[in-house]
Protein backbone atom coordinates (compact mmCIF):
# COMPACT_ATOMS: atom_id res chain seq x y z
CA UNK A 1 75.23 114.72 103.18
CA UNK A 2 74.26 114.58 99.52
CA UNK A 3 76.56 114.13 96.59
CA UNK A 4 79.79 116.01 96.94
CA UNK A 5 82.43 116.44 94.29
CA UNK A 6 85.32 114.01 94.63
CA UNK A 7 88.98 114.92 94.81
CA UNK A 8 89.63 113.83 91.22
CA UNK A 9 87.16 116.47 90.02
CA UNK A 10 88.90 119.08 92.17
CA UNK A 11 92.40 118.20 91.00
CA UNK A 12 91.39 118.07 87.32
CA UNK A 13 89.93 121.57 87.76
CA UNK A 14 93.46 122.86 88.49
CA UNK A 15 94.68 121.95 85.01
CA UNK A 16 95.86 125.01 83.07
CA UNK A 17 95.59 127.33 86.09
CA UNK A 18 98.69 129.28 87.10
CA UNK A 19 100.34 128.53 90.44
CA UNK A 20 101.36 131.53 92.55
CA UNK A 21 101.30 133.09 96.01
CA UNK A 22 103.52 130.67 97.89
CA UNK A 23 103.35 131.98 101.46
CA UNK A 24 104.66 130.19 104.53
CA UNK A 25 102.38 130.55 107.57
CA UNK A 26 104.19 128.78 110.42
CA UNK A 27 107.13 126.39 110.39
CA UNK A 28 106.86 124.59 107.07
CA UNK A 29 103.11 125.14 106.64
CA UNK A 30 102.16 127.24 103.62
CA UNK A 31 99.56 128.37 101.10
CA UNK A 32 99.77 127.67 97.36
CA UNK A 33 97.32 129.56 95.13
CA UNK A 34 95.88 128.65 91.71
CA UNK A 35 93.96 130.70 89.17
CA UNK A 36 92.77 134.28 89.52
CA UNK A 37 93.02 136.09 92.88
CA UNK A 38 89.71 136.39 94.71
CA UNK A 39 89.02 138.50 97.79
CA UNK A 40 86.63 136.79 100.17
CA UNK A 41 84.89 138.33 103.16
CA UNK A 42 86.90 137.88 106.35
CA UNK A 43 90.18 136.94 104.67
CA UNK A 44 93.32 138.92 105.40
CA UNK A 45 94.74 138.49 101.91
CA UNK A 46 93.32 137.37 98.58
CA UNK A 47 93.55 133.69 97.71
CA UNK A 48 93.34 132.05 94.33
CA UNK A 49 90.19 130.52 92.90
CA UNK A 50 91.66 127.31 94.30
CA UNK A 51 94.26 127.06 97.05
CA UNK A 52 96.07 124.51 99.13
CA UNK A 53 96.90 124.93 102.78
CA UNK A 54 99.74 122.45 103.35
CA UNK A 55 99.96 121.58 107.03
CA UNK A 56 101.39 118.53 108.81
CA UNK A 57 103.16 116.56 106.13
CA UNK A 58 106.49 116.46 104.40
CA UNK A 59 106.70 118.19 101.03
CA UNK A 60 109.13 119.34 98.39
CA UNK A 61 109.39 121.33 95.19
CA UNK A 62 111.75 119.77 92.69
CA UNK A 63 112.95 119.73 89.10
CA UNK A 64 114.16 116.53 87.42
CA UNK A 65 117.77 117.44 88.24
CA UNK A 66 117.40 118.72 91.83
CA UNK A 67 115.32 119.34 94.92
CA UNK A 68 114.58 123.08 95.09
CA UNK A 69 113.16 123.33 98.61
CA UNK A 70 111.55 120.99 101.11
CA UNK A 71 109.72 120.95 104.41
CA UNK A 72 112.87 120.27 106.45
CA UNK A 73 114.66 123.41 105.20
CA UNK A 74 115.26 126.41 107.43
CA UNK A 75 112.23 128.76 107.38
CA UNK A 76 114.31 131.67 106.05
CA UNK A 77 115.49 129.49 103.16
CA UNK A 78 111.89 128.41 102.46
CA UNK A 79 110.76 132.07 102.39
CA UNK A 80 113.61 133.09 100.08
CA UNK A 81 112.93 130.19 97.69
CA UNK A 82 109.18 130.87 97.69
CA UNK A 83 109.90 134.50 96.74
CA UNK A 84 111.76 133.43 93.59
CA UNK A 85 110.09 130.16 92.58
CA UNK A 86 108.31 130.37 89.20
CA UNK A 87 105.74 127.61 88.79
CA UNK A 88 103.82 128.29 85.58
CA UNK A 89 100.51 126.58 84.96
CA UNK A 90 99.36 123.18 86.20
CA UNK A 91 99.93 120.41 83.69
CA UNK A 92 98.76 117.57 85.92
CA UNK A 93 97.61 117.18 89.51
CA UNK A 94 97.01 113.80 91.07
CA UNK A 95 96.55 112.05 94.37
CA UNK A 96 98.49 108.90 95.15
CA UNK A 97 97.23 105.96 97.20
CA UNK A 98 97.22 104.90 99.94
CA UNK A 99 98.06 108.04 101.91
CA UNK A 100 96.64 110.74 99.59
CA UNK A 101 100.03 112.15 98.75
CA UNK A 102 99.85 114.92 96.15
CA UNK A 103 101.83 115.44 92.99
CA UNK A 104 101.37 118.63 90.96
CA UNK A 105 103.41 119.15 87.79
CA UNK A 106 103.85 122.67 86.43
CA UNK A 107 104.71 123.98 82.95
CA UNK A 108 108.03 125.34 84.33
CA UNK A 109 109.27 121.80 84.95
CA UNK A 110 108.78 122.17 88.71
CA UNK A 111 106.87 119.44 90.57
CA UNK A 112 105.28 119.80 94.00
CA UNK A 113 104.91 116.65 96.11
CA UNK A 114 103.61 115.84 99.57
CA UNK A 115 104.26 112.59 101.34
CA UNK A 116 103.48 110.79 104.57
CA UNK A 117 106.45 109.28 106.34
CA UNK A 118 104.92 107.43 109.27
CA UNK A 119 102.69 104.41 109.53
CA UNK A 120 101.71 105.70 112.98
CA UNK A 121 100.25 108.91 111.56
CA UNK A 122 96.75 109.69 112.79
CA UNK A 123 93.73 111.62 111.52
CA UNK A 124 94.50 114.36 114.03
CA UNK A 125 97.30 115.42 111.66
CA UNK A 126 95.82 117.30 108.74
CA UNK A 127 98.23 116.90 105.84
CA UNK A 128 96.62 119.39 103.46
CA UNK A 129 93.39 121.12 102.59
CA UNK A 130 92.26 122.12 99.10
CA UNK A 131 89.79 124.99 99.01
CA UNK A 132 87.70 125.35 95.85
CA UNK A 133 85.93 128.36 94.37
CA UNK A 134 82.60 127.05 95.58
CA UNK A 135 81.71 126.05 99.13
CA UNK A 136 83.78 122.86 99.31
CA UNK A 137 87.08 121.97 100.94
CA UNK A 138 88.87 118.62 100.62
CA UNK A 139 90.85 117.56 103.70
CA UNK A 140 93.53 114.86 103.73
CA UNK A 141 94.36 113.45 107.14
CA UNK A 142 97.56 111.56 107.85
CA UNK A 143 95.65 108.44 108.87
CA UNK A 144 94.82 107.97 105.17
CA UNK A 145 91.34 109.48 105.21
CA UNK A 146 90.11 112.10 102.78
CA UNK A 147 86.89 114.03 103.22
CA UNK A 148 85.01 116.68 101.32
CA UNK A 149 82.97 119.08 103.38
CA UNK A 150 81.36 122.46 103.04
CA UNK A 151 83.47 125.33 104.33
CA UNK A 152 80.91 126.29 106.97
CA UNK A 153 80.26 122.72 108.08
CA UNK A 154 81.55 121.83 111.55
CA UNK A 155 84.53 119.46 111.63
CA UNK A 156 83.53 115.97 112.77
CA UNK A 157 85.47 114.42 115.61
């Protein structure tokens, strides 16, 4: 497999990059873009240099005084909030043990957090994926496993 960059490298690379392009895909799943927009062959819309696909996990955007929107909200409310949410640039992005929950703090005072809520969660539930500008993607599974693979590499069962 060779040496692959670890998640701490990836998250530190987000520092100073602007967050934008919040777009819900299905239910409470969504994309969150970072850095300059890049058009890639075969993609329907441009993504950022870095982007998260948040899938099967709970999440929320909050400020110190209130929760702005979370994964249990009605999809129309999520869409409306995403349309108006101003994030600013990433001040800090980190991963929290043991379940690889994310916390991203933005210059606007908004924080984005993911969290696992079940001890029975399995690796079949992909919590989130972080796509980098190179060929790597980091995948966090709800069973507590995190892997880095090349984008064109087949997913291991």
